[in-house]
C-alpha atoms as a PDB file:
ATOM      1  CA  ASN A   1      10.499  -1.936 -50.308  1.00  0.00           C
ATOM      2  CA  PHE A   2       9.220   0.269 -47.514  1.00  0.00           C
ATOM      3  CA  ARG A   3       6.961   3.277 -47.338  1.00  0.00           C
ATOM      4  CA  GLU A   4       5.754   4.764 -44.033  1.00  0.00           C
ATOM      5  CA  SER A   5       2.256   5.476 -45.323  1.00  0.00           C
ATOM      6  CA  GLU A   6       1.593   1.755 -45.874  1.00  0.00           C
ATOM      7  CA  LEU A   7       1.274   1.026 -42.159  1.00  0.00           C
ATOM      8  CA  TYR A   8      -2.257   0.115 -41.064  1.00  0.00           C
ATOM      9  CA  LEU A   9      -2.816   0.829 -37.356  1.00  0.00           C
ATOM     10  CA  LYS A  10      -6.158   0.771 -35.555  1.00  0.00           C
ATOM     11  CA  LEU A  11      -6.969   1.233 -31.882  1.00  0.00           C
ATOM     12  CA  ASN A  12     -10.262   0.598 -30.159  1.00  0.00           C
ATOM     13  CA  GLU A  13     -12.843   3.369 -29.912  1.00  0.00           C
ATOM     14  CA  ASN A  14     -12.182   6.482 -27.790  1.00  0.00           C
ATOM     15  CA  HIS A  15      -8.392   6.171 -28.119  1.00  0.00           C
ATOM     16  CA  THR A  16      -6.157   7.864 -30.656  1.00  0.00           C
ATOM     17  CA  VAL A  17      -2.465   7.670 -31.538  1.00  0.00           C
ATOM     18  CA  LYS A  18      -0.505  10.759 -30.529  1.00  0.00           C
ATOM     19  CA  ASP A  19       2.950  11.946 -31.616  1.00  0.00           C
ATOM     20  CA  GLY A  20       3.820   8.875 -33.679  1.00  0.00           C
ATOM     21  CA  LEU A  21       7.441   8.825 -34.856  1.00  0.00           C
ATOM     22  CA  TRP A  22       9.340   6.564 -37.251  1.00  0.00           C
ATOM     23  CA  SER A  23      12.924   5.427 -36.791  1.00  0.00           C
ATOM     24  CA  HIS A  24      14.882   3.401 -39.356  1.00  0.00           C
ATOM     25  CA  ASN A  25      17.894   1.110 -39.092  1.00  0.00           C
ATOM     26  CA  GLY A  26      18.552  -0.587 -42.416  1.00  0.00           C
ATOM     27  CA  ASP A  27      15.630  -2.915 -43.089  1.00  0.00           C
ATOM     28  CA  VAL A  28      14.255  -2.493 -39.540  1.00  0.00           C
ATOM     29  CA  HIS A  29      11.583   0.219 -39.293  1.00  0.00           C
ATOM     30  CA  THR A  30      10.088   1.146 -35.925  1.00  0.00           C
ATOM     31  CA  TYR A  31       7.008   3.228 -35.266  1.00  0.00           C
ATOM     32  CA  SER A  32       6.639   4.637 -31.731  1.00  0.00           C
ATOM     33  CA  PHE A  33       3.545   6.341 -30.360  1.00  0.00           C
ATOM     34  CA  SER A  34       2.021   7.251 -27.008  1.00  0.00           C
ATOM     35  CA  MET A  35      -1.436   7.115 -25.451  1.00  0.00           C
ATOM     36  CA  SER A  36      -2.494   9.580 -22.784  1.00  0.00           C
ATOM     37  CA  LEU A  37      -5.520   8.027 -21.074  1.00  0.00           C
ATOM     38  CA  ASP A  38      -5.953   5.196 -18.602  1.00  0.00           C
ATOM     39  CA  GLY A  39      -8.078   2.378 -19.943  1.00  0.00           C
ATOM     40  CA  GLU A  40      -8.271  -0.898 -21.827  1.00  0.00           C
ATOM     41  CA  TYR A  41      -6.722  -0.853 -25.290  1.00  0.00           C
ATOM     42  CA  SER A  42      -6.898  -3.171 -28.268  1.00  0.00           C
ATOM     43  CA  ILE A  43      -4.635  -2.734 -31.263  1.00  0.00           C
ATOM     44  CA  ASP A  44      -4.646  -4.091 -34.829  1.00  0.00           C
ATOM     45  CA  CYS A  45      -1.828  -3.415 -37.247  1.00  0.00           C
ATOM     46  CA  SER A  46      -0.491  -4.693 -40.565  1.00  0.00           C
ATOM     47  CA  PHE A  47       1.830  -3.457 -43.317  1.00  0.00           C
ATOM     48  CA  LYS A  48       1.990  -3.569 -47.112  1.00  0.00           C
ATOM     49  CA  ASP A  49       5.327  -3.272 -48.894  1.00  0.00           C
ATOM     50  CA  LEU A  50       5.951  -1.615 -52.247  1.00  0.00           C
ATOM     51  CA  ALA A  51       5.509  -4.948 -54.037  1.00  0.00           C
ATOM     52  CA  GLY A  52       1.985  -5.228 -52.666  1.00  0.00           C
ATOM     53  CA  ASN A  53       2.720  -7.990 -50.133  1.00  0.00           C
ATOM     54  CA  VAL A  54       0.527  -7.628 -47.042  1.00  0.00           C
ATOM     55  CA  SER A  55       1.655  -8.906 -43.666  1.00  0.00           C
ATOM     56  CA  ASP A  56      -0.505 -10.866 -41.272  1.00  0.00           C
ATOM     57  CA  THR A  57      -2.543  -8.640 -38.951  1.00  0.00           C
ATOM     58  CA  TYR A  58      -1.068  -8.339 -35.481  1.00  0.00           C
ATOM     59  CA  THR A  59      -3.681  -8.064 -32.718  1.00  0.00           C
ATOM     60  CA  ASP A  60      -3.096  -7.471 -29.036  1.00  0.00           C
ATOM     61  CA  SER A  61      -4.722  -5.868 -26.000  1.00  0.00           C
ATOM     62  CA  PHE A  62      -3.346  -4.185 -22.867  1.00  0.00           C
ATOM     63  CA  VAL A  63      -4.317  -1.891 -20.005  1.00  0.00           C
ATOM     64  CA  ILE A  64      -2.816   1.471 -19.038  1.00  0.00           C
ATOM     65  CA  ASP A  65      -3.282   2.176 -15.334  1.00  0.00           C
ATOM     66  CA  THR A  66      -1.578   5.076 -13.548  1.00  0.00           C
ATOM     67  CA  GLN A  67      -3.899   5.254 -10.523  1.00  0.00           C
ATOM     68  CA  SER A  68      -2.923   3.868  -7.114  1.00  0.00           C
ATOM     69  CA  PRO A  69      -5.302   1.729  -5.033  1.00  0.00           C
ATOM     70  CA  VAL A  70      -7.453   3.465  -2.406  1.00  0.00           C
ATOM     71  CA  ILE A  71      -7.215   2.189   1.180  1.00  0.00           C
ATOM     72  CA  SER A  72      -9.690   3.015   3.946  1.00  0.00           C
ATOM     73  CA  ILE A  73      -9.947   1.825   7.556  1.00  0.00           C
ATOM     74  CA  THR A  74     -13.224   1.977   9.462  1.00  0.00           C
ATOM     75  CA  GLY A  75     -14.375   0.572  12.787  1.00  0.00           C
ATOM     76  CA  VAL A  76     -11.591   2.259  14.752  1.00  0.00           C
ATOM     77  CA  GLU A  77     -10.307   5.844  14.795  1.00  0.00           C
ATOM     78  CA  ASN A  78      -6.688   6.740  14.178  1.00  0.00           C
ATOM     79  CA  ASN A  79      -4.861   7.736  17.410  1.00  0.00           C
ATOM     80  CA  SER A  80      -7.795   6.559  19.531  1.00  0.00           C
ATOM     81  CA  ALA A  81      -7.934   4.883  22.948  1.00  0.00           C
ATOM     82  CA  ASN A  82     -10.664   2.239  23.198  1.00  0.00           C
ATOM     83  CA  ALA A  83     -12.201   0.775  26.348  1.00  0.00           C
ATOM     84  CA  GLY A  84     -14.921  -1.109  24.466  1.00  0.00           C
ATOM     85  CA  ASP A  85     -14.927  -3.552  21.585  1.00  0.00           C
ATOM     86  CA  ILE A  86     -13.743  -2.419  18.153  1.00  0.00           C
ATOM     87  CA  LEU A  87     -14.005  -4.030  14.717  1.00  0.00           C
ATOM     88  CA  PRO A  88     -11.468  -2.642  12.235  1.00  0.00           C
ATOM     89  CA  VAL A  89     -12.445  -3.123   8.599  1.00  0.00           C
ATOM     90  CA  ILE A  90      -9.874  -2.450   5.877  1.00  0.00           C
ATOM     91  CA  THR A  91     -11.173  -1.791   2.367  1.00  0.00           C
ATOM     92  CA  VAL A  92      -8.898  -1.722  -0.682  1.00  0.00           C
ATOM     93  CA  THR A  93     -10.311  -0.717  -4.073  1.00  0.00           C
ATOM     94  CA  ASP A  94      -8.821  -0.277  -7.528  1.00  0.00           C
ATOM     95  CA  ALA A  95      -9.859  -0.606 -11.157  1.00  0.00           C
ATOM     96  CA  ASN A  96      -7.297  -3.424 -11.513  1.00  0.00           C
ATOM     97  CA  PHE A  97      -7.273  -4.916  -8.040  1.00  0.00           C
ATOM     98  CA  GLU A  98      -5.132  -7.924  -7.099  1.00  0.00           C
ATOM     99  CA  ASN A  99      -5.878  -9.508  -3.721  1.00  0.00           C
ATOM    100  CA  SER A 100      -2.499 -11.263  -3.424  1.00  0.00           C
ATOM    101  CA  PHE A 101      -0.670  -7.905  -3.499  1.00  0.00           C
ATOM    102  CA  THR A 102      -2.229  -6.755  -0.187  1.00  0.00           C
ATOM    103  CA  GLU A 103      -0.338  -7.130   3.117  1.00  0.00           C
ATOM    104  CA  ILE A 104      -1.843  -6.326   6.522  1.00  0.00           C
ATOM    105  CA  LYS A 105       0.321  -6.115   9.649  1.00  0.00           C
ATOM    106  CA  LEU A 106      -0.420  -5.434  13.316  1.00  0.00           C
ATOM    107  CA  ILE A 107       2.498  -4.295  15.510  1.00  0.00           C
ATOM    108  CA  ASN A 108       2.216  -3.856  19.283  1.00  0.00           C
ATOM    109  CA  GLY A 109       3.729  -1.186  21.520  1.00  0.00           C
ATOM    110  CA  LYS A 110       6.947  -3.195  21.943  1.00  0.00           C
ATOM    111  CA  GLY A 111       7.489  -3.321  18.188  1.00  0.00           C
ATOM    112  CA  GLU A 112       6.470  -6.981  17.933  1.00  0.00           C
ATOM    113  CA  ARG A 113       4.306  -8.355  15.147  1.00  0.00           C
ATOM    114  CA  VAL A 114       0.936  -9.693  16.333  1.00  0.00           C
ATOM    115  CA  GLU A 115      -0.889 -12.495  14.526  1.00  0.00           C
ATOM    116  CA  ILE A 116      -4.321 -11.468  13.275  1.00  0.00           C
ATOM    117  CA  SER A 117      -7.208 -13.117  11.487  1.00  0.00           C
ATOM    118  CA  SER A 118      -8.726 -11.202   8.579  1.00  0.00           C
ATOM    119  CA  SER A 119     -11.763 -12.395   6.652  1.00  0.00           C
ATOM    120  CA  PRO A 120     -11.683 -10.989   3.078  1.00  0.00           C
ATOM    121  CA  VAL A 121     -15.032 -10.026   1.587  1.00  0.00           C
ATOM    122  CA  PRO A 122     -15.146  -9.207  -2.172  1.00  0.00           C
ATOM    123  CA  TYR A 123     -16.029  -5.591  -2.933  1.00  0.00           C
ATOM    124  CA  GLU A 124     -17.194  -4.476  -6.364  1.00  0.00           C
ATOM    125  CA  THR A 125     -18.732  -1.411  -8.020  1.00  0.00           C
ATOM    126  CA  GLU A 126     -19.357  -0.520 -11.651  1.00  0.00           C
ATOM    127  CA  ASN A 127     -15.800   0.778 -12.152  1.00  0.00           C
ATOM    128  CA  GLU A 128     -13.788  -0.781  -9.325  1.00  0.00           C
ATOM    129  CA  SER A 129     -13.217  -4.009  -7.490  1.00  0.00           C
ATOM    130  CA  GLY A 130     -11.423  -4.892  -4.286  1.00  0.00           C
ATOM    131  CA  SER A 131     -11.772  -6.546  -0.909  1.00  0.00           C
ATOM    132  CA  SER A 132     -12.775  -5.649   2.618  1.00  0.00           C
ATOM    133  CA  TYR A 133     -10.772  -7.346   5.376  1.00  0.00           C
ATOM    134  CA  ILE A 134     -12.506  -7.741   8.731  1.00  0.00           C
ATOM    135  CA  LEU A 135     -10.167  -8.108  11.711  1.00  0.00           C
ATOM    136  CA  ASP A 136     -12.620 -10.211  13.647  1.00  0.00           C
ATOM    137  CA  ASP A 137     -10.242 -11.336  16.412  1.00  0.00           C
ATOM    138  CA  ILE A 138      -8.929  -7.911  17.446  1.00  0.00           C
ATOM    139  CA  ASN A 139     -10.889  -7.873  20.718  1.00  0.00           C
ATOM    140  CA  THR A 140      -9.077 -10.999  21.907  1.00  0.00           C
ATOM    141  CA  LYS A 141      -5.799  -9.068  21.971  1.00  0.00           C
ATOM    142  CA  PRO A 142      -4.405  -7.801  25.301  1.00  0.00           C
ATOM    143  CA  ASP A 143      -4.366  -4.142  26.284  1.00  0.00           C
ATOM    144  CA  ASP A 144      -1.626  -2.443  24.309  1.00  0.00           C
ATOM    145  CA  VAL A 145      -0.834   0.219  21.736  1.00  0.00           C
ATOM    146  CA  TYR A 146      -1.174  -1.136  18.199  1.00  0.00           C
ATOM    147  CA  TYR A 147      -0.059  -0.047  14.748  1.00  0.00           C
ATOM    148  CA  LEU A 148      -2.266  -1.362  11.952  1.00  0.00           C
ATOM    149  CA  SER A 149      -0.549  -1.003   8.567  1.00  0.00           C
ATOM    150  CA  VAL A 150      -1.753  -1.856   5.076  1.00  0.00           C
ATOM    151  CA  VAL A 151       0.455  -2.042   1.976  1.00  0.00           C
ATOM    152  CA  CYS A 152      -1.010  -2.930  -1.413  1.00  0.00           C
ATOM    153  CA  ALA A 153      -0.417  -2.730  -5.150  1.00  0.00           C
ATOM    154  CA  ASP A 154      -2.567  -3.237  -8.228  1.00  0.00           C
ATOM    155  CA  LYS A 155      -1.813  -5.338 -11.304  1.00  0.00           C
ATOM    156  CA  ALA A 156       0.086  -2.433 -12.880  1.00  0.00           C
ATOM    157  CA  GLY A 157       2.354  -2.088  -9.832  1.00  0.00           C
ATOM    158  CA  ASN A 158       0.862   1.165  -8.503  1.00  0.00           C
ATOM    159  CA  GLY A 159       1.210   1.078  -4.718  1.00  0.00           C
ATOM    160  CA  SER A 160      -0.463   2.605  -1.661  1.00  0.00           C
ATOM    161  CA  ASP A 161      -0.012   2.358   2.095  1.00  0.00           C
ATOM    162  CA  LEU A 162      -1.892   3.465   5.204  1.00  0.00           C
ATOM    163  CA  GLU A 163      -1.154   3.155   8.927  1.00  0.00           C
ATOM    164  CA  TYR A 164      -3.401   3.683  11.962  1.00  0.00           C
ATOM    165  CA  ARG A 165      -2.347   3.810  15.607  1.00  0.00           C
ATOM    166  CA  PHE A 166      -4.833   2.926  18.329  1.00  0.00           C
ATOM    167  CA  SER A 167      -4.896   1.354  21.760  1.00  0.00           C
ATOM    168  CA  ILE A 168      -7.025  -1.176  23.611  1.00  0.00           C
ATOM    169  CA  ASN A 169      -7.564   0.139  27.151  1.00  0.00           C
ATOM    170  CA  LYS A 170      -9.930  -2.192  28.963  1.00  0.00           C
ATOM    171  CA  ASN A 171      -7.795  -2.141  32.097  1.00  0.00           C
ATOM    172  CA  GLY A 172      -6.151   1.295  32.131  1.00  0.00           C
ATOM    173  CA  SER A 173      -3.201   2.924  30.372  1.00  0.00           C
ATOM    174  CA  THR A 174      -1.183   1.306  27.612  1.00  0.00           C
ATOM    175  CA  TYR A 175       2.296   2.273  26.460  1.00  0.00           C
ATOM    176  CA  ASP A 176       4.140   2.508  23.175  1.00  0.00           C
ATOM    177  CA  ILE A 177       7.749   1.625  24.048  1.00  0.00           C
ATOM    178  CA  GLY A 178       8.897   0.488  20.624  1.00  0.00           C
ATOM    179  CA  ASN A 179      11.718   3.033  20.768  1.00  0.00           C
ATOM    180  CA  VAL A 180      12.990   1.506  24.023  1.00  0.00           C
ATOM    181  CA  SER A 181      12.629  -2.061  22.727  1.00  0.00           C
ATOM    182  CA  LYS A 182      15.011  -1.264  19.884  1.00  0.00           C
ATOM    183  CA  LEU A 183      17.649  -0.310  22.477  1.00  0.00           C
ATOM    184  CA  TYR A 184      17.177  -3.673  24.193  1.00  0.00           C
ATOM    185  CA  GLU A 185      17.755  -5.436  20.898  1.00  0.00           C
ATOM    186  CA  GLN A 186      20.975  -3.540  20.204  1.00  0.00           C
ATOM    187  CA  VAL A 187      22.323  -4.121  23.755  1.00  0.00           C
ATOM    188  CA  TYR A 188      25.409  -2.003  23.070  1.00  0.00           C
ATOM    189  CA  ILE A 189      25.163   1.443  21.500  1.00  0.00           C
ATOM    190  CA  ARG A 190      27.451   4.445  21.193  1.00  0.00           C
ATOM    191  CA  TYR A 191      26.285   7.698  22.763  1.00  0.00           C
ATOM    192  CA  ASP A 192      26.537   9.560  19.431  1.00  0.00           C
ATOM    193  CA  GLU A 193      24.078   7.028  17.944  1.00  0.00           C
ATOM    194  CA  LEU A 194      21.544   7.417  20.742  1.00  0.00           C
ATOM    195  CA  ASP A 195      18.327   9.198  19.778  1.00  0.00           C
ATOM    196  CA  ASP A 196      15.798  10.682  22.194  1.00  0.00           C
ATOM    197  CA  ILE A 197      13.983   7.967  24.110  1.00  0.00           C
ATOM    198  CA  CYS A 198      10.256   8.292  23.524  1.00  0.00           C
ATOM    199  CA  MET A 199       7.456   6.507  25.375  1.00  0.00           C
ATOM    200  CA  THR A 200       3.786   7.186  24.588  1.00  0.00           C
ATOM    201  CA  GLU A 201       0.986   6.590  27.085  1.00  0.00           C
ATOM    202  CA  MET A 202      -2.558   6.152  25.793  1.00  0.00           C
ATOM    203  CA  ASN A 203      -5.656   6.163  27.998  1.00  0.00           C
ATOM    204  CA  ILE A 204      -9.353   6.883  27.505  1.00  0.00           C
ATOM    205  CA  ASP A 205      -9.129   9.345  30.427  1.00  0.00           C
ATOM    206  CA  LYS A 206      -6.879  12.345  30.801  1.00  0.00           C
ATOM    207  CA  VAL A 207      -3.529  11.531  32.404  1.00  0.00           C
ATOM    208  CA  ASN A 208      -2.807  14.149  35.078  1.00  0.00           C
ATOM    209  CA  GLU A 209       0.366  12.735  36.595  1.00  0.00           C
ATOM    210  CA  MET A 210       3.084  10.317  35.573  1.00  0.00           C
ATOM    211  CA  THR A 211       6.498   9.259  36.840  1.00  0.00           C
ATOM    212  CA  VAL A 212       9.319   7.657  34.862  1.00  0.00           C
ATOM    213  CA  PHE A 213      12.123   5.795  36.620  1.00  0.00           C
ATOM    214  CA  ALA A 214      15.471   4.914  35.044  1.00  0.00           C
ATOM    215  CA  SER A 215      18.427   3.099  36.503  1.00  0.00           C
ATOM    216  CA  LYS A 216      22.133   2.981  35.706  1.00  0.00           C
ATOM    217  CA  ASN A 217      24.152   0.014  36.899  1.00  0.00           C
ATOM    218  CA  GLY A 218      21.306  -0.895  39.242  1.00  0.00           C
ATOM    219  CA  ASN A 219      20.951   2.572  40.774  1.00  0.00           C
ATOM    220  CA  ILE A 220      17.910   4.834  40.255  1.00  0.00           C
ATOM    221  CA  ILE A 221      18.737   8.022  38.357  1.00  0.00           C
ATOM    222  CA  ASN A 222      17.061  11.147  39.715  1.00  0.00           C
ATOM    223  CA  GLY A 223      15.616  13.851  37.498  1.00  0.00           C
ATOM    224  CA  VAL A 224      14.454  11.693  34.610  1.00  0.00           C
END
Protein backbone atom coordinates (compact mmCIF):
# COMPACT_ATOMS: atom_id res chain seq x y z
CA ASN A 1 0.00 0.00 0.00
CA PHE A 2 2.82 2.36 -0.90
CA ARG A 3 3.22 5.18 -3.36
CA GLU A 4 6.30 7.44 -3.42
CA SER A 5 4.31 10.59 -4.12
CA GLU A 6 2.46 10.29 -0.79
CA LEU A 7 5.50 11.34 1.24
CA TYR A 8 5.14 14.75 2.90
CA LEU A 9 8.54 16.33 3.62
CA LYS A 10 9.14 19.92 4.71
CA LEU A 11 12.36 21.67 5.69
CA ASN A 12 12.73 25.07 7.28
CA GLU A 13 13.03 28.16 5.10
CA ASN A 14 16.10 28.72 2.89
CA HIS A 15 16.85 24.98 2.62
CA THR A 16 15.75 22.62 -0.12
CA VAL A 17 16.01 18.87 -0.69
CA LYS A 18 18.46 17.92 -3.43
CA ASP A 19 18.88 14.64 -5.32
CA GLY A 20 16.33 12.66 -3.31
CA LEU A 21 16.35 8.93 -4.11
CA TRP A 22 14.06 6.07 -3.09
CA SER A 23 15.20 2.55 -2.30
CA HIS A 24 12.85 -0.36 -1.57
CA ASN A 25 13.28 -3.63 0.30
CA GLY A 26 9.96 -5.42 0.61
CA ASP A 27 7.76 -3.32 2.87
CA VAL A 28 10.68 -1.07 3.91
CA HIS A 29 10.93 2.10 1.80
CA THR A 30 13.81 4.53 2.31
CA TYR A 31 14.12 8.05 0.98
CA SER A 32 17.63 9.56 0.98
CA PHE A 33 18.47 13.18 0.25
CA SER A 34 21.31 15.63 0.78
CA MET A 35 21.64 19.25 1.87
CA SER A 36 24.49 21.42 0.66
CA LEU A 37 24.64 24.37 3.07
CA ASP A 38 25.87 24.77 6.62
CA GLY A 39 23.15 25.86 9.01
CA GLU A 40 20.38 24.88 11.39
CA TYR A 41 17.74 22.59 9.94
CA SER A 42 14.28 21.54 11.05
CA ILE A 43 12.39 18.77 9.31
CA ASP A 44 8.75 17.62 9.30
CA CYS A 45 7.63 14.51 7.48
CA SER A 46 4.64 12.17 7.32
CA PHE A 47 3.23 9.57 4.92
CA LYS A 48 -0.18 8.48 3.66
CA ASP A 49 -0.69 4.95 2.35
CA LEU A 50 -3.02 3.90 -0.45
CA ALA A 51 -5.79 3.18 2.05
CA GLY A 52 -5.70 6.78 3.22
CA ASN A 53 -4.05 6.11 6.59
CA VAL A 54 -1.81 9.01 7.62
CA SER A 55 1.19 8.49 9.87
CA ASP A 56 2.09 10.70 12.79
CA THR A 57 4.26 13.66 11.80
CA TYR A 58 7.93 13.17 12.58
CA THR A 59 9.72 16.37 13.62
CA ASP A 60 13.41 16.84 14.31
CA SER A 61 16.15 19.45 14.10
CA PHE A 62 19.91 19.27 13.49
CA VAL A 63 22.91 21.37 12.50
CA ILE A 64 25.27 20.90 9.55
CA ASP A 65 28.69 22.39 10.27
CA THR A 66 31.71 21.83 8.02
CA GLN A 67 33.80 24.80 9.20
CA SER A 68 36.74 24.40 11.58
CA PRO A 69 37.24 26.70 14.59
CA VAL A 70 39.50 29.75 14.17
CA ILE A 71 42.42 30.12 16.60
CA SER A 72 44.42 33.31 17.11
CA ILE A 73 47.24 34.17 19.53
CA THR A 74 48.02 37.76 20.46
CA GLY A 75 50.24 39.36 23.08
CA VAL A 76 53.37 37.56 21.89
CA GLU A 77 54.90 37.12 18.43
CA ASN A 78 55.71 33.74 16.95
CA ASN A 79 59.48 33.01 16.96
CA SER A 80 60.15 36.04 19.15
CA ALA A 81 62.68 36.64 21.94
CA ASN A 82 61.27 38.72 24.80
CA ALA A 83 63.20 40.63 27.46
CA GLY A 84 60.10 42.35 28.86
CA ASP A 85 56.74 41.13 30.10
CA ILE A 86 54.35 39.42 27.69
CA LEU A 87 50.67 38.49 27.99
CA PRO A 88 49.63 35.79 25.52
CA VAL A 89 45.90 35.73 24.78
CA ILE A 90 44.43 32.78 22.89
CA THR A 91 41.07 33.30 21.18
CA VAL A 92 39.02 30.42 19.76
CA THR A 93 35.85 31.15 17.79
CA ASP A 94 33.31 29.00 15.98
CA ALA A 95 29.62 29.03 15.11
CA ASN A 96 29.21 25.92 17.29
CA PHE A 97 31.89 26.42 19.91
CA GLU A 98 32.45 23.98 22.78
CA ASN A 99 34.79 25.17 25.54
CA SER A 100 35.53 21.67 26.87
CA PHE A 101 37.05 20.63 23.52
CA THR A 102 39.92 23.16 23.82
CA GLU A 103 43.36 22.09 25.12
CA ILE A 104 46.23 24.51 25.76
CA LYS A 105 49.76 23.26 26.42
CA LEU A 106 53.06 25.00 27.19
CA ILE A 107 56.27 23.01 26.57
CA ASN A 108 59.73 24.29 27.54
CA GLY A 109 63.02 23.96 25.68
CA LYS A 110 63.75 20.59 27.31
CA GLY A 111 60.49 19.14 26.03
CA GLU A 112 58.82 19.26 29.45
CA ARG A 113 55.23 20.34 29.99
CA VAL A 114 54.88 23.53 32.05
CA GLU A 115 51.83 24.23 34.22
CA ILE A 116 49.99 27.39 33.23
CA SER A 117 47.00 29.34 34.46
CA SER A 118 44.51 30.48 31.83
CA SER A 119 41.49 32.63 32.61
CA PRO A 120 38.72 31.99 30.02
CA VAL A 121 36.67 35.00 28.99
CA PRO A 122 33.49 34.38 26.91
CA TYR A 123 33.66 35.80 23.39
CA GLU A 124 30.55 36.31 21.27
CA THR A 125 29.54 38.02 18.02
CA GLU A 126 26.35 37.92 15.98
CA ASN A 127 27.37 34.71 14.18
CA GLU A 128 30.04 33.16 16.39
CA SER A 129 30.88 32.37 19.97
CA GLY A 130 34.03 31.26 21.72
CA SER A 131 36.47 32.06 24.49
CA SER A 132 39.63 34.05 25.04
CA TYR A 133 42.19 32.46 27.35
CA ILE A 134 44.58 34.83 29.12
CA LEU A 135 47.86 33.26 30.24
CA ASP A 136 48.22 35.60 33.17
CA ASP A 137 51.08 33.78 34.92
CA ILE A 138 53.47 33.52 31.96
CA ASN A 139 55.84 36.18 33.32
CA THR A 140 56.50 34.08 36.43
CA LYS A 141 58.13 31.41 34.27
CA PRO A 142 61.95 31.17 34.12
CA ASP A 143 63.98 32.15 31.07
CA ASP A 144 63.54 29.44 28.47
CA VAL A 145 62.28 28.64 24.99
CA TYR A 146 58.57 27.81 25.03
CA TYR A 147 56.12 26.15 22.66
CA LEU A 148 52.53 27.28 23.14
CA SER A 149 50.10 24.92 21.40
CA VAL A 150 46.33 25.03 21.09
CA VAL A 151 44.13 22.15 19.90
CA CYS A 152 40.36 22.52 19.69
CA ALA A 153 37.23 21.10 18.10
CA ASP A 154 33.65 22.28 17.73
CA LYS A 155 30.45 20.37 18.50
CA ALA A 156 30.50 18.81 15.02
CA GLY A 157 34.03 17.48 15.52
CA ASN A 158 35.79 19.91 13.15
CA GLY A 159 39.28 20.48 14.54
CA SER A 160 42.01 23.13 14.41
CA ASP A 161 45.46 23.56 15.92
CA LEU A 162 48.04 26.33 16.22
CA GLU A 163 51.53 26.46 17.75
CA TYR A 164 53.75 29.44 18.61
CA ARG A 165 57.40 29.35 19.66
CA PHE A 166 58.84 32.17 21.74
CA SER A 167 61.43 32.73 24.43
CA ILE A 168 61.68 34.65 27.69
CA ASN A 169 65.12 36.30 27.79
CA LYS A 170 65.32 38.48 30.88
CA ASN A 171 68.81 37.23 31.69
CA GLY A 172 70.39 36.42 28.33
CA SER A 173 70.20 33.55 25.84
CA THR A 174 67.81 30.62 26.12
CA TYR A 175 68.12 27.26 24.40
CA ASP A 176 65.78 24.77 22.80
CA ILE A 177 67.38 21.37 23.50
CA GLY A 178 64.28 19.21 23.20
CA ASN A 179 66.05 17.12 20.56
CA VAL A 180 68.89 16.38 22.98
CA SER A 181 66.52 15.65 25.87
CA LYS A 182 64.91 12.87 23.84
CA LEU A 183 68.34 11.21 23.57
CA TYR A 184 68.71 11.35 27.35
CA GLU A 185 65.37 9.63 27.74
CA GLN A 186 66.29 6.82 25.36
CA VAL A 187 69.72 6.28 27.00
CA TYR A 188 70.69 3.65 24.43
CA ILE A 189 70.26 4.24 20.71
CA ARG A 190 71.59 2.64 17.54
CA TYR A 191 73.66 4.82 15.23
CA ASP A 192 71.31 4.17 12.28
CA GLU A 193 68.44 5.59 14.39
CA LEU A 194 70.33 8.75 15.33
CA ASP A 195 69.04 11.94 13.71
CA ASP A 196 70.92 15.24 13.49
CA ILE A 197 71.26 16.84 16.91
CA CYS A 198 69.72 20.30 16.84
CA MET A 199 69.99 23.01 19.48
CA THR A 200 68.39 26.44 19.01
CA GLU A 201 69.62 29.57 20.78
CA MET A 202 67.25 32.52 21.14
CA ASN A 203 68.31 35.99 22.28
CA ILE A 204 66.98 39.52 21.88
CA ASP A 205 70.44 40.54 20.61
CA LYS A 206 72.38 39.14 17.70
CA VAL A 207 74.59 36.19 18.62
CA ASN A 208 78.02 36.71 17.07
CA GLU A 209 79.91 33.77 18.54
CA MET A 210 79.06 30.44 20.10
CA THR A 211 80.90 27.29 21.13
CA VAL A 212 79.47 23.79 21.57
CA PHE A 213 81.33 21.17 23.60
CA ALA A 214 80.64 17.43 23.46
CA SER A 215 82.28 14.60 25.31
CA LYS A 216 82.64 10.87 24.70
CA ASN A 217 83.41 8.62 27.63
CA GLY A 218 84.39 11.68 29.65
CA ASN A 219 86.73 13.13 27.02
CA ILE A 220 86.05 16.37 25.10
CA ILE A 221 85.57 15.81 21.37
CA ASN A 222 87.25 18.39 19.15
CA GLY A 223 85.65 19.80 16.03
CA VAL A 224 82.03 19.74 17.14
